[in-house]
Amino acid sequence: MIASNFRKHPDAMALQLVLAFGKPVWNTKRPTSRMGRLLRSAQAALVKATPQLVSWVEVQTPGWFVAFKRRARALARSVKRNLLSIF
């Protein structure tokens, strides 16, 4: 079953598919046996050697949002200026 947010944003699901699932090697207790420590070090080396498959894309801010923020800053400046002139 696919979550509704993945149906709305399939690009997010594509980014998640390449992630390694499972319990992280470095987030568990340190093993006490010699074989356990060897296995843990081998797994950690494998995780470090695996290249990152996700290429992060910088998302452009929509123009309407930039214009809204610009108008909001201008309104804040005018309110501040008018309040300072009163006092």
C-alpha atoms as a PDB file:
ATOM      1  CA  MET A   1       0.000   0.000   0.000  1.00  0.00           C
ATOM      2  CA  ILE A   2       1.363   3.423  -0.935  1.00  0.00           C
ATOM      3  CA  ALA A   3       0.870   6.276   1.500  1.00  0.00           C
ATOM      4  CA  SER A   4      -1.227   9.194   0.290  1.00  0.00           C
ATOM      5  CA  ASN A   5       1.670  11.650   0.491  1.00  0.00           C
ATOM      6  CA  PHE A   6       3.678   9.408  -1.866  1.00  0.00           C
ATOM      7  CA  ARG A   7       0.754   9.350  -4.297  1.00  0.00           C
ATOM      8  CA  LYS A   8       0.730  13.146  -4.241  1.00  0.00           C
ATOM      9  CA  HIS A   9       4.520  13.423  -4.495  1.00  0.00           C
ATOM     10  CA  PRO A  10       5.945  10.468  -6.455  1.00  0.00           C
ATOM     11  CA  ASP A  11       9.344  12.177  -6.642  1.00  0.00           C
ATOM     12  CA  ALA A  12       9.608  11.818  -2.848  1.00  0.00           C
ATOM     13  CA  MET A  13       8.959   8.098  -3.141  1.00  0.00           C
ATOM     14  CA  ALA A  14      11.609   7.787  -5.853  1.00  0.00           C
ATOM     15  CA  LEU A  15      14.121   9.382  -3.486  1.00  0.00           C
ATOM     16  CA  GLN A  16      13.163   7.006  -0.670  1.00  0.00           C
ATOM     17  CA  LEU A  17      13.398   3.825  -2.737  1.00  0.00           C
ATOM     18  CA  VAL A  18      17.190   3.952  -2.935  1.00  0.00           C
ATOM     19  CA  LEU A  19      17.682   4.323   0.824  1.00  0.00           C
ATOM     20  CA  ALA A  20      19.020   1.358   2.755  1.00  0.00           C
ATOM     21  CA  PHE A  21      16.297   0.179   5.103  1.00  0.00           C
ATOM     22  CA  GLY A  22      16.827  -1.781   8.273  1.00  0.00           C
ATOM     23  CA  LYS A  23      18.409  -1.094  11.614  1.00  0.00           C
ATOM     24  CA  PRO A  24      21.478   1.118  11.223  1.00  0.00           C
ATOM     25  CA  VAL A  25      24.741  -0.602  12.058  1.00  0.00           C
ATOM     26  CA  TRP A  26      26.097   2.342  14.031  1.00  0.00           C
ATOM     27  CA  ASN A  27      22.956   2.769  16.147  1.00  0.00           C
ATOM     28  CA  THR A  28      23.136  -0.480  18.097  1.00  0.00           C
ATOM     29  CA  LYS A  29      24.968  -1.535  21.236  1.00  0.00           C
ATOM     30  CA  ARG A  30      28.592  -2.536  20.841  1.00  0.00           C
ATOM     31  CA  PRO A  31      28.840  -6.320  20.519  1.00  0.00           C
ATOM     32  CA  THR A  32      30.805  -8.087  23.230  1.00  0.00           C
ATOM     33  CA  SER A  33      32.119 -11.057  21.250  1.00  0.00           C
ATOM     34  CA  ARG A  34      35.078 -10.866  18.895  1.00  0.00           C
ATOM     35  CA  MET A  35      33.038 -12.224  15.981  1.00  0.00           C
ATOM     36  CA  GLY A  36      30.269  -9.726  16.672  1.00  0.00           C
ATOM     37  CA  ARG A  37      32.743  -6.842  16.639  1.00  0.00           C
ATOM     38  CA  LEU A  38      34.284  -8.102  13.385  1.00  0.00           C
ATOM     39  CA  LEU A  39      30.850  -8.393  11.803  1.00  0.00           C
ATOM     40  CA  ARG A  40      29.883  -4.921  12.985  1.00  0.00           C
ATOM     41  CA  SER A  41      33.106  -3.377  11.648  1.00  0.00           C
ATOM     42  CA  ALA A  42      32.626  -5.118   8.290  1.00  0.00           C
ATOM     43  CA  GLN A  43      29.046  -3.860   8.060  1.00  0.00           C
ATOM     44  CA  ALA A  44      30.104  -0.327   8.998  1.00  0.00           C
ATOM     45  CA  ALA A  45      32.825  -0.380   6.330  1.00  0.00           C
ATOM     46  CA  LEU A  46      30.267  -1.526   3.771  1.00  0.00           C
ATOM     47  CA  VAL A  47      27.877   1.276   4.728  1.00  0.00           C
ATOM     48  CA  LYS A  48      30.657   3.866   4.445  1.00  0.00           C
ATOM     49  CA  ALA A  49      31.825   2.489   1.090  1.00  0.00           C
ATOM     50  CA  THR A  50      28.326   2.500  -0.452  1.00  0.00           C
ATOM     51  CA  PRO A  51      27.924   5.619  -2.610  1.00  0.00           C
ATOM     52  CA  GLN A  52      25.003   7.904  -2.026  1.00  0.00           C
ATOM     53  CA  LEU A  53      22.537   7.301  -4.833  1.00  0.00           C
ATOM     54  CA  VAL A  54      20.306  10.248  -4.065  1.00  0.00           C
ATOM     55  CA  SER A  55      21.181  13.451  -5.853  1.00  0.00           C
ATOM     56  CA  TRP A  56      19.602  16.309  -3.944  1.00  0.00           C
ATOM     57  CA  VAL A  57      17.811  18.861  -6.039  1.00  0.00           C
ATOM     58  CA  GLU A  58      17.337  22.411  -4.822  1.00  0.00           C
ATOM     59  CA  VAL A  59      13.682  23.309  -5.160  1.00  0.00           C
ATOM     60  CA  GLN A  60      12.943  26.775  -6.468  1.00  0.00           C
ATOM     61  CA  THR A  61      10.731  28.956  -4.295  1.00  0.00           C
ATOM     62  CA  PRO A  62       7.492  29.821  -6.111  1.00  0.00           C
ATOM     63  CA  GLY A  63       7.247  33.386  -7.398  1.00  0.00           C
ATOM     64  CA  TRP A  64       3.966  34.047  -5.610  1.00  0.00           C
ATOM     65  CA  PHE A  65       5.606  33.218  -2.281  1.00  0.00           C
ATOM     66  CA  VAL A  66       8.568  35.516  -2.931  1.00  0.00           C
ATOM     67  CA  ALA A  67       6.194  38.341  -3.890  1.00  0.00           C
ATOM     68  CA  PHE A  68       4.061  37.705  -0.797  1.00  0.00           C
ATOM     69  CA  LYS A  69       7.102  37.819   1.491  1.00  0.00           C
ATOM     70  CA  ARG A  70       8.283  41.040  -0.174  1.00  0.00           C
ATOM     71  CA  ARG A  71       4.885  42.668   0.372  1.00  0.00           C
ATOM     72  CA  ALA A  72       4.788  41.442   3.977  1.00  0.00           C
ATOM     73  CA  ARG A  73       8.226  42.970   4.694  1.00  0.00           C
ATOM     74  CA  ALA A  74       7.164  46.246   3.086  1.00  0.00           C
ATOM     75  CA  LEU A  75       4.010  46.297   5.224  1.00  0.00           C
ATOM     76  CA  ALA A  76       6.033  45.597   8.375  1.00  0.00           C
ATOM     77  CA  ARG A  77       8.432  48.442   7.531  1.00  0.00           C
ATOM     78  CA  SER A  78       5.579  50.882   6.938  1.00  0.00           C
ATOM     79  CA  VAL A  79       3.820  49.888  10.169  1.00  0.00           C
ATOM     80  CA  LYS A  80       7.051  50.299  12.117  1.00  0.00           C
ATOM     81  CA  ARG A  81       7.743  53.655  10.493  1.00  0.00           C
ATOM     82  CA  ASN A  82       4.210  54.872  11.278  1.00  0.00           C
ATOM     83  CA  LEU A  83       4.387  53.652  14.861  1.00  0.00           C
ATOM     84  CA  LEU A  84       7.709  55.396  15.378  1.00  0.00           C
ATOM     85  CA  SER A  85       6.248  58.641  14.079  1.00  0.00           C
ATOM     86  CA  ILE A  86       3.405  58.419  16.628  1.00  0.00           C
ATOM     87  CA  PHE A  87       5.694  58.024  19.636  1.00  0.00           C
END
